[in-house]
Protein backbone atom coordinates (compact mmCIF):
# COMPACT_ATOMS: atom_id res chain seq x y z
CA MET A 1 0.00 0.00 0.00
CA SER A 2 1.31 3.46 -0.84
CA THR A 3 0.56 6.82 0.68
CA ILE A 4 0.77 10.25 -0.85
CA HIS A 5 1.74 13.28 1.20
CA LEU A 6 0.67 16.68 -0.11
CA GLN A 7 2.27 19.79 1.16
CA VAL A 8 -0.09 22.74 0.84
CA ALA A 9 1.17 26.24 1.40
CA PRO A 10 -0.89 28.23 3.90
CA ARG A 11 -3.02 31.06 2.50
CA VAL A 12 -1.53 34.38 3.33
CA ALA A 13 -3.76 37.41 3.04
CA PRO A 14 -1.99 40.30 1.31
CA ASP A 15 -1.35 43.26 3.54
CA ASN A 16 -2.50 46.66 2.39
CA PRO A 17 0.36 49.06 1.86
CA ARG A 18 0.48 52.04 4.17
CA GLY A 19 -1.99 54.69 3.21
CA ALA A 20 -3.84 52.54 0.67
CA ARG A 21 -7.23 53.25 2.23
CA ALA A 22 -6.54 56.98 2.43
CA ALA A 23 -5.28 57.06 -1.16
CA ALA A 24 -8.35 55.15 -2.35
CA TYR A 25 -10.63 57.55 -0.45
CA VAL A 26 -8.90 60.58 -2.01
CA PHE A 27 -9.05 59.01 -5.47
CA VAL A 28 -12.77 58.28 -5.20
CA ALA A 29 -13.48 61.78 -3.88
CA LEU A 30 -11.58 63.36 -6.78
CA TRP A 31 -13.32 61.05 -9.23
CA HIS A 32 -16.75 62.13 -7.97
CA LEU A 33 -15.70 65.78 -8.13
CA VAL A 34 -14.48 65.54 -11.72
CA ALA A 35 -17.48 63.45 -12.79
CA GLY A 36 -19.79 66.04 -11.23
CA LEU A 37 -18.24 68.77 -13.33
CA PHE A 38 -19.17 66.99 -16.55
CA ARG A 39 -22.58 65.73 -15.47
CA ALA A 40 -25.46 67.49 -17.16
CA SER A 41 -27.84 69.30 -14.87
CA ALA A 42 -31.48 68.35 -14.85
CA PRO A 43 -33.39 70.15 -17.57
CA ARG A 44 -35.87 72.74 -16.43
CA PRO A 45 -39.51 71.73 -16.85
CA LYS A 46 -41.10 73.07 -20.00
CA SER A 47 -44.15 75.25 -19.86
CA VAL A 48 -47.42 74.15 -21.42
CA GLU A 49 -46.90 76.58 -24.29
CA GLU A 50 -43.38 75.26 -25.00
CA GLU A 51 -44.60 71.66 -25.01
CA ALA A 52 -47.47 72.48 -27.36
CA GLN A 53 -45.11 74.42 -29.65
CA ALA A 54 -42.77 71.41 -29.83
CA VAL A 55 -45.68 69.14 -30.80
CA ARG A 56 -46.81 71.64 -33.44
CA ALA A 57 -43.28 71.73 -34.86
CA MET A 58 -43.32 67.93 -35.09
CA ALA A 59 -46.71 68.11 -36.79
CA SER A 60 -45.40 70.54 -39.40
CA HIS A 61 -42.49 68.15 -40.02
CA TYR A 62 -44.90 65.26 -40.71
CA ARG A 63 -47.46 67.32 -42.68
CA LYS A 64 -46.35 66.13 -46.14
CA ALA A 65 -45.48 62.55 -45.20
CA ASP A 66 -48.58 61.76 -43.14
CA PRO A 67 -51.26 64.48 -43.09
CA ARG A 68 -53.62 62.56 -40.79
CA PHE A 69 -50.91 62.07 -38.18
CA ALA A 70 -50.00 65.75 -38.43
CA THR A 71 -53.64 66.70 -37.90
CA ASP A 72 -53.82 64.43 -34.85
CA LEU A 73 -50.68 66.03 -33.45
CA MET A 74 -52.11 69.53 -33.92
CA ALA A 75 -55.33 68.47 -32.19
CA ALA A 76 -53.34 66.94 -29.34
CA ALA A 77 -51.34 70.16 -28.90
CA ASP A 78 -54.56 72.21 -28.80
CA ARG A 79 -56.15 69.81 -26.32
CA HIS A 80 -53.03 69.89 -24.13
CA GLU A 81 -53.09 73.68 -24.00
CA ARG A 82 -56.79 73.76 -23.30
CA ILE A 83 -56.63 71.23 -20.45
CA ASN A 84 -53.33 72.25 -18.82
CA GLY A 85 -52.97 75.86 -19.80
């Protein structure tokens, strides 16, 4: 009968270098600062008139291609102004 002996090295957890946590904290803080500079701000809410004008502009764009759809868009813009404005 034969036996096999395995030698397994113990697991050693790597030590963090000095200041690694502080450096990571500073890096993340700078990252959030720089990302915040390039982040777009929330758009201001449009007024009822601006929304209706945008729908009318879309309707004029579709007037030749699909007149029924353009008419529906114009009616929707009028209805939106009447209800919300």
